[in-house]
Amino acid sequence: MSVKELKSEFHKLIDNFNDEKVLNNFYEAILEYSKRDNSIDIIDELSEWQKQRLMGSIDQVKDGKTMSNDKVKDEIRKWYMK
């Protein structure tokens, strides 16, 4: 989808969305993103510990050590029931 098409679709979604809290959250996120220096890679802003955790997660995905979203939801429900 082109940038023009994405903007058009995004406008349609916004025009039909009435949850003020969610709209405010999206507005704040886009506003903050627009203020960022886009020449800076977010990875460069991570601590070494965060980078190691991220790389570990990437390795887990490569090794197929993942869980479906439904499985995670089931596990969370089990934790809440304890």
C-alpha atoms as a PDB file:
ATOM      1  CA  MET A   1       0.000   0.000   0.000  1.00  0.00           C
ATOM      2  CA  SER A   2       1.382   3.427  -0.915  1.00  0.00           C
ATOM      3  CA  VAL A   3       1.844   6.245   1.583  1.00  0.00           C
ATOM      4  CA  LYS A   4      -1.067   8.080  -0.002  1.00  0.00           C
ATOM      5  CA  GLU A   5      -3.320   5.009   0.327  1.00  0.00           C
ATOM      6  CA  LEU A   6      -2.221   4.432   3.925  1.00  0.00           C
ATOM      7  CA  LYS A   7      -3.014   8.030   4.856  1.00  0.00           C
ATOM      8  CA  SER A   8      -6.415   7.767   3.211  1.00  0.00           C
ATOM      9  CA  GLU A   9      -7.242   4.541   5.050  1.00  0.00           C
ATOM     10  CA  PHE A  10      -5.955   5.984   8.324  1.00  0.00           C
ATOM     11  CA  HIS A  11      -8.175   9.052   7.884  1.00  0.00           C
ATOM     12  CA  LYS A  12     -11.188   6.805   7.264  1.00  0.00           C
ATOM     13  CA  LEU A  13     -10.474   4.862  10.449  1.00  0.00           C
ATOM     14  CA  ILE A  14     -10.061   8.028  12.494  1.00  0.00           C
ATOM     15  CA  ASP A  15     -13.233   9.576  11.078  1.00  0.00           C
ATOM     16  CA  ASN A  16     -15.260   6.531  12.131  1.00  0.00           C
ATOM     17  CA  PHE A  17     -13.617   6.020  15.531  1.00  0.00           C
ATOM     18  CA  ASN A  18     -15.243   7.602  18.574  1.00  0.00           C
ATOM     19  CA  ASP A  19     -13.267   6.341  21.579  1.00  0.00           C
ATOM     20  CA  GLU A  20     -11.698   9.541  22.903  1.00  0.00           C
ATOM     21  CA  LYS A  21      -9.151   7.747  25.093  1.00  0.00           C
ATOM     22  CA  VAL A  22      -7.836   5.625  22.203  1.00  0.00           C
ATOM     23  CA  LEU A  23      -7.790   8.617  19.850  1.00  0.00           C
ATOM     24  CA  ASN A  24      -5.818  10.609  22.434  1.00  0.00           C
ATOM     25  CA  ASN A  25      -3.335   7.748  22.796  1.00  0.00           C
ATOM     26  CA  PHE A  26      -2.793   7.571  19.042  1.00  0.00           C
ATOM     27  CA  TYR A  27      -2.494  11.339  18.825  1.00  0.00           C
ATOM     28  CA  GLU A  28       0.114  11.454  21.595  1.00  0.00           C
ATOM     29  CA  ALA A  29       2.079   8.586  20.025  1.00  0.00           C
ATOM     30  CA  ILE A  30       2.146  10.191  16.588  1.00  0.00           C
ATOM     31  CA  LEU A  31       2.953  13.596  18.063  1.00  0.00           C
ATOM     32  CA  GLU A  32       5.896  12.193  20.041  1.00  0.00           C
ATOM     33  CA  TYR A  33       7.131  10.235  17.024  1.00  0.00           C
ATOM     34  CA  SER A  34       6.970  13.350  14.860  1.00  0.00           C
ATOM     35  CA  LYS A  35       9.210  15.192  17.352  1.00  0.00           C
ATOM     36  CA  ARG A  36      11.902  12.493  17.281  1.00  0.00           C
ATOM     37  CA  ASP A  37      15.133  12.823  15.413  1.00  0.00           C
ATOM     38  CA  ASN A  38      14.539  10.116  12.803  1.00  0.00           C
ATOM     39  CA  SER A  39      18.239   9.904  12.054  1.00  0.00           C
ATOM     40  CA  ILE A  40      18.694   8.137  15.406  1.00  0.00           C
ATOM     41  CA  ASP A  41      18.100   4.400  15.417  1.00  0.00           C
ATOM     42  CA  ILE A  42      16.048   3.294  18.420  1.00  0.00           C
ATOM     43  CA  ILE A  43      18.506   0.415  18.925  1.00  0.00           C
ATOM     44  CA  ASP A  44      21.216   2.967  19.684  1.00  0.00           C
ATOM     45  CA  GLU A  45      19.104   4.275  22.565  1.00  0.00           C
ATOM     46  CA  LEU A  46      18.897   0.882  24.307  1.00  0.00           C
ATOM     47  CA  SER A  47      21.109  -0.088  27.219  1.00  0.00           C
ATOM     48  CA  GLU A  48      23.485  -3.030  26.758  1.00  0.00           C
ATOM     49  CA  TRP A  49      21.184  -5.161  28.892  1.00  0.00           C
ATOM     50  CA  GLN A  50      18.208  -4.255  26.680  1.00  0.00           C
ATOM     51  CA  LYS A  51      20.202  -5.010  23.525  1.00  0.00           C
ATOM     52  CA  GLN A  52      21.192  -8.425  24.913  1.00  0.00           C
ATOM     53  CA  ARG A  53      17.577  -9.212  25.794  1.00  0.00           C
ATOM     54  CA  LEU A  54      16.432  -8.133  22.329  1.00  0.00           C
ATOM     55  CA  MET A  55      19.072 -10.259  20.607  1.00  0.00           C
ATOM     56  CA  GLY A  56      18.109 -13.200  22.816  1.00  0.00           C
ATOM     57  CA  SER A  57      14.493 -12.794  21.759  1.00  0.00           C
ATOM     58  CA  ILE A  58      15.478 -12.643  18.097  1.00  0.00           C
ATOM     59  CA  ASP A  59      17.489 -15.858  18.544  1.00  0.00           C
ATOM     60  CA  GLN A  60      14.473 -17.546  20.164  1.00  0.00           C
ATOM     61  CA  VAL A  61      12.312 -16.660  17.159  1.00  0.00           C
ATOM     62  CA  LYS A  62      14.973 -17.972  14.766  1.00  0.00           C
ATOM     63  CA  ASP A  63      15.068 -21.222  16.762  1.00  0.00           C
ATOM     64  CA  GLY A  64      11.276 -21.550  16.595  1.00  0.00           C
ATOM     65  CA  LYS A  65      10.885 -21.026  20.340  1.00  0.00           C
ATOM     66  CA  THR A  66       7.674 -19.034  20.092  1.00  0.00           C
ATOM     67  CA  MET A  67       4.102 -19.246  21.345  1.00  0.00           C
ATOM     68  CA  SER A  68       0.918 -18.289  19.573  1.00  0.00           C
ATOM     69  CA  ASN A  69      -1.029 -15.327  20.912  1.00  0.00           C
ATOM     70  CA  ASP A  70      -3.866 -17.688  21.924  1.00  0.00           C
ATOM     71  CA  LYS A  71      -1.441 -19.846  23.908  1.00  0.00           C
ATOM     72  CA  VAL A  72      -0.069 -16.780  25.722  1.00  0.00           C
ATOM     73  CA  LYS A  73      -3.597 -15.639  26.559  1.00  0.00           C
ATOM     74  CA  ASP A  74      -4.387 -19.101  27.949  1.00  0.00           C
ATOM     75  CA  GLU A  75      -1.233 -19.038  30.085  1.00  0.00           C
ATOM     76  CA  ILE A  76      -2.099 -15.581  31.451  1.00  0.00           C
ATOM     77  CA  ARG A  77      -5.618 -16.737  32.316  1.00  0.00           C
ATOM     78  CA  LYS A  78      -4.113 -19.674  34.232  1.00  0.00           C
ATOM     79  CA  TRP A  79      -1.845 -17.318  36.206  1.00  0.00           C
ATOM     80  CA  TYR A  80      -4.795 -15.134  37.160  1.00  0.00           C
ATOM     81  CA  MET A  81      -6.758 -18.161  38.341  1.00  0.00           C
ATOM     82  CA  LYS A  82      -4.083 -19.205  40.862  1.00  0.00           C
END
